[in-house]
C-alpha atoms as a PDB file:
ATOM      1  CA  MET A   1       0.000   0.000   0.000  1.00  0.00           C
ATOM      2  CA  SER A   2       1.427   3.376  -0.989  1.00  0.00           C
ATOM      3  CA  TRP A   3       1.963   6.205   1.459  1.00  0.00           C
ATOM      4  CA  LEU A   4      -0.706   8.258  -0.350  1.00  0.00           C
ATOM      5  CA  THR A   5      -3.235   5.435   0.151  1.00  0.00           C
ATOM      6  CA  ARG A   6      -2.328   5.169   3.831  1.00  0.00           C
ATOM      7  CA  LEU A   7      -2.845   8.918   4.220  1.00  0.00           C
ATOM      8  CA  GLY A   8      -6.257   8.628   2.589  1.00  0.00           C
ATOM      9  CA  PHE A   9      -5.429  10.575  -0.573  1.00  0.00           C
ATOM     10  CA  VAL A  10      -6.153   7.672  -2.958  1.00  0.00           C
ATOM     11  CA  ALA A  11      -8.174   4.458  -2.773  1.00  0.00           C
ATOM     12  CA  PRO A  12      -6.377   1.101  -2.888  1.00  0.00           C
ATOM     13  CA  ALA A  13      -6.011  -0.363  -6.383  1.00  0.00           C
ATOM     14  CA  ALA A  14      -8.545  -2.969  -7.464  1.00  0.00           C
ATOM     15  CA  ALA A  15      -7.394  -6.494  -8.152  1.00  0.00           C
ATOM     16  CA  ALA A  16      -6.949  -7.615 -11.739  1.00  0.00           C
ATOM     17  CA  GLY A  17      -9.427 -10.157 -13.024  1.00  0.00           C
ATOM     18  CA  THR A  18      -9.388 -12.320 -16.094  1.00  0.00           C
ATOM     19  CA  ASP A  19      -6.153 -13.615 -17.630  1.00  0.00           C
ATOM     20  CA  GLU A  20      -4.853 -10.889 -19.964  1.00  0.00           C
ATOM     21  CA  ALA A  21      -3.627 -13.181 -22.720  1.00  0.00           C
ATOM     22  CA  ALA A  22      -6.945 -15.041 -22.948  1.00  0.00           C
ATOM     23  CA  LEU A  23      -8.910 -11.820 -22.871  1.00  0.00           C
ATOM     24  CA  LEU A  24      -6.754 -10.247 -25.558  1.00  0.00           C
ATOM     25  CA  ALA A  25      -7.087 -13.373 -27.724  1.00  0.00           C
ATOM     26  CA  ARG A  26     -10.863 -13.045 -27.492  1.00  0.00           C
ATOM     27  CA  VAL A  27     -10.631  -9.355 -28.442  1.00  0.00           C
ATOM     28  CA  THR A  28      -8.408 -10.236 -31.398  1.00  0.00           C
ATOM     29  CA  ALA A  29     -11.023 -12.782 -32.525  1.00  0.00           C
ATOM     30  CA  GLY A  30     -13.655 -10.013 -32.552  1.00  0.00           C
ATOM     31  CA  ASP A  31     -15.394 -10.740 -29.248  1.00  0.00           C
ATOM     32  CA  ALA A  32     -17.141  -7.456 -28.379  1.00  0.00           C
ATOM     33  CA  GLU A  33     -17.931  -8.660 -24.845  1.00  0.00           C
ATOM     34  CA  ALA A  34     -14.238  -9.262 -24.202  1.00  0.00           C
ATOM     35  CA  LEU A  35     -13.435  -5.789 -25.512  1.00  0.00           C
ATOM     36  CA  ALA A  36     -16.021  -4.275 -23.175  1.00  0.00           C
ATOM     37  CA  LEU A  37     -14.563  -6.212 -20.245  1.00  0.00           C
ATOM     38  CA  LEU A  38     -11.034  -5.146 -21.165  1.00  0.00           C
ATOM     39  CA  TYR A  39     -12.115  -1.520 -21.485  1.00  0.00           C
ATOM     40  CA  ARG A  40     -13.963  -1.569 -18.153  1.00  0.00           C
ATOM     41  CA  ARG A  41     -10.980  -3.164 -16.453  1.00  0.00           C
ATOM     42  CA  GLU A  42      -8.170  -1.016 -17.856  1.00  0.00           C
ATOM     43  CA  SER A  43      -9.569   2.325 -19.038  1.00  0.00           C
ATOM     44  CA  GLY A  44     -10.040   3.825 -15.584  1.00  0.00           C
ATOM     45  CA  SER A  45      -6.437   3.452 -14.499  1.00  0.00           C
ATOM     46  CA  VAL A  46      -5.124   4.564 -17.896  1.00  0.00           C
ATOM     47  CA  TYR A  47      -7.376   7.639 -17.772  1.00  0.00           C
ATOM     48  CA  ARG A  48      -6.372   8.500 -14.190  1.00  0.00           C
ATOM     49  CA  TYR A  49      -2.720   8.154 -15.142  1.00  0.00           C
ATOM     50  CA  ALA A  50      -3.127  10.404 -18.200  1.00  0.00           C
ATOM     51  CA  LEU A  51      -5.151  12.954 -16.245  1.00  0.00           C
ATOM     52  CA  ALA A  52      -2.745  13.033 -13.303  1.00  0.00           C
ATOM     53  CA  LEU A  53       0.206  13.309 -15.629  1.00  0.00           C
ATOM     54  CA  GLY A  54      -1.137  16.092 -17.788  1.00  0.00           C
ATOM     55  CA  GLY A  55      -4.207  17.417 -16.036  1.00  0.00           C
ATOM     56  CA  ASP A  56      -6.247  18.070 -19.152  1.00  0.00           C
ATOM     57  CA  GLU A  57      -9.452  16.013 -19.268  1.00  0.00           C
ATOM     58  CA  ALA A  58      -9.869  16.201 -23.037  1.00  0.00           C
ATOM     59  CA  ALA A  59      -6.232  15.237 -23.653  1.00  0.00           C
ATOM     60  CA  ALA A  60      -6.527  12.354 -21.167  1.00  0.00           C
ATOM     61  CA  LEU A  61      -9.660  11.055 -22.887  1.00  0.00           C
ATOM     62  CA  ASP A  62      -7.966  11.336 -26.281  1.00  0.00           C
ATOM     63  CA  ALA A  63      -4.941   9.467 -24.954  1.00  0.00           C
ATOM     64  CA  VAL A  64      -7.098   6.623 -23.601  1.00  0.00           C
ATOM     65  CA  GLN A  65      -9.044   6.391 -26.840  1.00  0.00           C
ATOM     66  CA  GLU A  66      -5.854   6.316 -28.903  1.00  0.00           C
ATOM     67  CA  ALA A  67      -4.267   3.693 -26.630  1.00  0.00           C
ATOM     68  CA  PHE A  68      -7.220   1.346 -27.113  1.00  0.00           C
ATOM     69  CA  ALA A  69      -7.393   2.112 -30.835  1.00  0.00           C
ATOM     70  CA  GLN A  70      -3.718   1.216 -31.214  1.00  0.00           C
ATOM     71  CA  LEU A  71      -4.271  -1.983 -29.258  1.00  0.00           C
ATOM     72  CA  LEU A  72      -7.128  -2.956 -31.568  1.00  0.00           C
ATOM     73  CA  ARG A  73      -5.088  -2.098 -34.691  1.00  0.00           C
ATOM     74  CA  GLY A  74      -2.164  -4.234 -33.555  1.00  0.00           C
ATOM     75  CA  PRO A  75      -2.930  -6.523 -30.611  1.00  0.00           C
ATOM     76  CA  GLN A  76       0.072  -8.692 -31.508  1.00  0.00           C
ATOM     77  CA  ARG A  77       2.373  -5.840 -30.446  1.00  0.00           C
ATOM     78  CA  PHE A  78       1.504  -6.469 -26.796  1.00  0.00           C
ATOM     79  CA  GLU A  79       4.086  -8.821 -25.275  1.00  0.00           C
ATOM     80  CA  PRO A  80       2.868 -10.262 -21.943  1.00  0.00           C
ATOM     81  CA  GLY A  81       6.423 -11.084 -20.888  1.00  0.00           C
ATOM     82  CA  ARG A  82       7.367  -7.407 -20.878  1.00  0.00           C
ATOM     83  CA  GLY A  83       4.637  -6.261 -18.482  1.00  0.00           C
ATOM     84  CA  SER A  84       0.920  -6.061 -17.884  1.00  0.00           C
ATOM     85  CA  LEU A  85      -1.653  -4.995 -20.425  1.00  0.00           C
ATOM     86  CA  GLY A  86      -2.486  -1.995 -18.222  1.00  0.00           C
ATOM     87  CA  ALA A  87       1.139  -0.880 -18.333  1.00  0.00           C
ATOM     88  CA  TYR A  88       1.196  -1.326 -22.104  1.00  0.00           C
ATOM     89  CA  LEU A  89      -1.937   0.815 -22.521  1.00  0.00           C
ATOM     90  CA  ALA A  90      -0.586   3.450 -20.109  1.00  0.00           C
ATOM     91  CA  GLY A  91       2.630   3.575 -22.127  1.00  0.00           C
ATOM     92  CA  MET A  92       0.666   4.171 -25.335  1.00  0.00           C
ATOM     93  CA  ALA A  93      -1.383   6.881 -23.607  1.00  0.00           C
ATOM     94  CA  ARG A  94       1.861   8.477 -22.408  1.00  0.00           C
ATOM     95  CA  HIS A  95       3.238   8.555 -25.946  1.00  0.00           C
ATOM     96  CA  GLN A  96      -0.009  10.116 -27.172  1.00  0.00           C
ATOM     97  CA  LEU A  97       0.202  12.842 -24.520  1.00  0.00           C
ATOM     98  CA  LEU A  98       3.850  13.534 -25.304  1.00  0.00           C
ATOM     99  CA  GLY A  99       2.974  13.795 -28.987  1.00  0.00           C
ATOM    100  CA  GLN A 100       0.200  16.279 -28.227  1.00  0.00           C
ATOM    101  CA  TRP A 101       2.541  18.388 -26.122  1.00  0.00           C
ATOM    102  CA  ARG A 102       5.317  18.304 -28.704  1.00  0.00           C
ATOM    103  CA  ASP A 103       2.875  19.404 -31.381  1.00  0.00           C
ATOM    104  CA  ALA A 104       1.633  22.255 -29.222  1.00  0.00           C
ATOM    105  CA  ARG A 105       5.219  23.066 -28.106  1.00  0.00           C
ATOM    106  CA  ARG A 106       4.020  23.874 -24.653  1.00  0.00           C
ATOM    107  CA  HIS A 107       3.449  22.143 -21.334  1.00  0.00           C
ATOM    108  CA  VAL A 108      -0.193  21.358 -20.580  1.00  0.00           C
ATOM    109  CA  PRO A 109      -0.864  22.492 -16.982  1.00  0.00           C
ATOM    110  CA  LEU A 110      -2.895  20.375 -14.621  1.00  0.00           C
ATOM    111  CA  ASP A 111      -6.529  21.292 -14.244  1.00  0.00           C
ATOM    112  CA  ASP A 112      -7.529  23.246 -11.170  1.00  0.00           C
ATOM    113  CA  ALA A 113     -10.538  20.956 -10.671  1.00  0.00           C
ATOM    114  CA  ALA A 114      -9.267  19.741  -7.302  1.00  0.00           C
ATOM    115  CA  GLU A 115      -9.014  23.316  -6.047  1.00  0.00           C
ATOM    116  CA  ASP A 116     -12.482  24.206  -7.381  1.00  0.00           C
ATOM    117  CA  GLU A 117     -13.857  21.043  -5.770  1.00  0.00           C
ATOM    118  CA  ALA A 118     -12.489  22.078  -2.392  1.00  0.00           C
ATOM    119  CA  GLU A 119     -14.220  25.439  -2.619  1.00  0.00           C
ATOM    120  CA  THR A 120     -17.651  23.980  -3.412  1.00  0.00           C
ATOM    121  CA  LEU A 121     -17.837  20.991  -1.059  1.00  0.00           C
ATOM    122  CA  PRO A 122     -20.650  21.327   1.448  1.00  0.00           C
ATOM    123  CA  GLY A 123     -20.559  19.631   4.801  1.00  0.00           C
ATOM    124  CA  SER A 124     -18.677  19.316   8.005  1.00  0.00           C
ATOM    125  CA  ASP A 125     -15.343  20.722   9.003  1.00  0.00           C
ATOM    126  CA  ALA A 126     -13.828  17.265   8.459  1.00  0.00           C
ATOM    127  CA  ASN A 127     -14.995  17.282   4.825  1.00  0.00           C
ATOM    128  CA  LEU A 128     -13.622  20.765   4.334  1.00  0.00           C
ATOM    129  CA  ASP A 129     -10.309  19.818   5.937  1.00  0.00           C
ATOM    130  CA  GLY A 130     -10.046  16.719   3.738  1.00  0.00           C
ATOM    131  CA  ALA A 131     -10.855  18.723   0.624  1.00  0.00           C
ATOM    132  CA  GLN A 132      -8.263  21.346   1.520  1.00  0.00           C
ATOM    133  CA  ARG A 133      -5.606  18.668   2.090  1.00  0.00           C
ATOM    134  CA  HIS A 134      -6.531  17.063  -1.236  1.00  0.00           C
ATOM    135  CA  SER A 135      -6.358  20.413  -3.015  1.00  0.00           C
ATOM    136  CA  ARG A 136      -3.023  21.238  -1.410  1.00  0.00           C
ATOM    137  CA  LEU A 137      -1.587  17.850  -2.356  1.00  0.00           C
ATOM    138  CA  TRP A 138      -2.552  18.236  -6.034  1.00  0.00           C
ATOM    139  CA  ALA A 139      -1.257  21.784  -6.120  1.00  0.00           C
ATOM    140  CA  ALA A 140       2.081  20.507  -4.803  1.00  0.00           C
ATOM    141  CA  ILE A 141       2.126  17.617  -7.303  1.00  0.00           C
ATOM    142  CA  ARG A 142       1.604  20.149 -10.112  1.00  0.00           C
ATOM    143  CA  ARG A 143       4.830  21.861  -9.041  1.00  0.00           C
ATOM    144  CA  LEU A 144       6.904  18.727  -9.641  1.00  0.00           C
ATOM    145  CA  SER A 145       8.819  18.347 -12.888  1.00  0.00           C
ATOM    146  CA  TRP A 146       7.283  16.083 -15.560  1.00  0.00           C
ATOM    147  CA  PRO A 147       9.648  13.136 -14.831  1.00  0.00           C
ATOM    148  CA  GLN A 148       9.141  13.405 -11.072  1.00  0.00           C
ATOM    149  CA  ARG A 149       5.363  13.733 -11.399  1.00  0.00           C
ATOM    150  CA  GLU A 150       5.241  10.751 -13.744  1.00  0.00           C
ATOM    151  CA  ALA A 151       7.236   8.569 -11.329  1.00  0.00           C
ATOM    152  CA  LEU A 152       5.017   9.606  -8.407  1.00  0.00           C
ATOM    153  CA  VAL A 153       1.800   8.981 -10.338  1.00  0.00           C
ATOM    154  CA  LEU A 154       2.911   5.565 -11.576  1.00  0.00           C
ATOM    155  CA  VAL A 155       4.310   4.183  -8.320  1.00  0.00           C
ATOM    156  CA  ASP A 156       2.479   5.968  -5.517  1.00  0.00           C
ATOM    157  CA  LEU A 157      -0.903   6.738  -7.034  1.00  0.00           C
ATOM    158  CA  GLN A 158      -1.303   3.774  -9.370  1.00  0.00           C
ATOM    159  CA  GLU A 159       0.755   1.427  -7.174  1.00  0.00           C
ATOM    160  CA  ARG A 160       2.644  -0.076 -10.116  1.00  0.00           C
ATOM    161  CA  SER A 161       5.863  -2.007  -9.568  1.00  0.00           C
ATOM    162  CA  TYR A 162       9.147  -0.231 -10.240  1.00  0.00           C
ATOM    163  CA  ASP A 163       9.764  -2.394 -13.299  1.00  0.00           C
ATOM    164  CA  GLU A 164       6.311  -1.750 -14.728  1.00  0.00           C
ATOM    165  CA  ALA A 165       6.513   1.990 -14.034  1.00  0.00           C
ATOM    166  CA  ALA A 166       9.984   2.159 -15.577  1.00  0.00           C
ATOM    167  CA  ALA A 167       8.717   0.384 -18.702  1.00  0.00           C
ATOM    168  CA  ILE A 168       5.883   2.904 -19.069  1.00  0.00           C
ATOM    169  CA  ALA A 169       8.220   5.865 -18.530  1.00  0.00           C
ATOM    170  CA  GLY A 170      10.801   4.413 -20.898  1.00  0.00           C
ATOM    171  CA  VAL A 171      13.648   4.523 -18.374  1.00  0.00           C
ATOM    172  CA  SER A 172      15.572   2.025 -16.269  1.00  0.00           C
ATOM    173  CA  ALA A 173      14.238   1.032 -12.855  1.00  0.00           C
ATOM    174  CA  ASP A 174      17.195   2.819 -11.225  1.00  0.00           C
ATOM    175  CA  VAL A 175      16.379   6.077 -13.004  1.00  0.00           C
ATOM    176  CA  LEU A 176      12.735   5.719 -12.013  1.00  0.00           C
ATOM    177  CA  ARG A 177      13.696   5.156  -8.365  1.00  0.00           C
ATOM    178  CA  THR A 178      15.853   8.273  -8.429  1.00  0.00           C
ATOM    179  CA  ARG A 179      13.031  10.340  -9.913  1.00  0.00           C
ATOM    180  CA  LEU A 180      10.577   8.960  -7.368  1.00  0.00           C
ATOM    181  CA  HIS A 181      12.924   9.688  -4.475  1.00  0.00           C
ATOM    182  CA  ARG A 182      13.366  13.272  -5.649  1.00  0.00           C
ATOM    183  CA  ALA A 183       9.622  13.655  -6.220  1.00  0.00           C
ATOM    184  CA  ARG A 184       8.801  12.447  -2.716  1.00  0.00           C
ATOM    185  CA  GLN A 185      11.469  14.687  -1.245  1.00  0.00           C
ATOM    186  CA  ARG A 186      10.206  17.747  -3.137  1.00  0.00           C
ATOM    187  CA  LEU A 187       6.588  16.934  -2.293  1.00  0.00           C
ATOM    188  CA  ALA A 188       7.453  16.551   1.402  1.00  0.00           C
ATOM    189  CA  ASP A 189       9.249  19.907   1.291  1.00  0.00           C
ATOM    190  CA  LEU A 190       6.274  21.592  -0.351  1.00  0.00           C
ATOM    191  CA  LEU A 191       3.711  20.065   1.996  1.00  0.00           C
ATOM    192  CA  GLY A 192       5.826  20.126   5.162  1.00  0.00           C
ATOM    193  CA  ALA A 193       6.981  23.697   4.877  1.00  0.00           C
ATOM    194  CA  GLY A 194       3.410  24.887   4.625  1.00  0.00           C
ATOM    195  CA  GLU A 195       4.305  26.501   1.335  1.00  0.00           C
ATOM    196  CA  ARG A 196       1.196  27.554  -0.528  1.00  0.00           C
ATOM    197  CA  PRO A 197       1.611  26.029  -3.993  1.00  0.00           C
END
């Protein structure tokens, strides 16, 4: 369980279900029910990853759609020995986002939805306190560099293994660990110092 889950910032990850290879074989054979199951199982985590990484809802949705479209165009490209299907789809979504940003030649800032949410939540002081902590956390995450944010999202929010996260990010596991360490350190500094991001 990640430290963000223990602190109550994210829910624990759901367990995987059906065997990926069998499910993908059914999709390849044209089984629409298998495709629906695959989409229901994987799209949420791929979308959350894309949204947390870039913060733009439309870009995240486009990235998820393109990842699944690429999978359907070439399901044989997925190699189960190299990682999970979820990691493969997240990697394709990542490449889609990077392509969008390169084309635009600018960094896409994260959405301020978390901050807006904190301002409009009705309820008790506990709800308000939780919303403020959530808003502050996301504001601090937005201040991390792209590589640090990506490492944090993959390992701490999505609870992926170091090897799987490194494969998605396209770096070695050692590089990913270094980025994650620096991200956690920077995040702790931002949150611990009471700095208003």
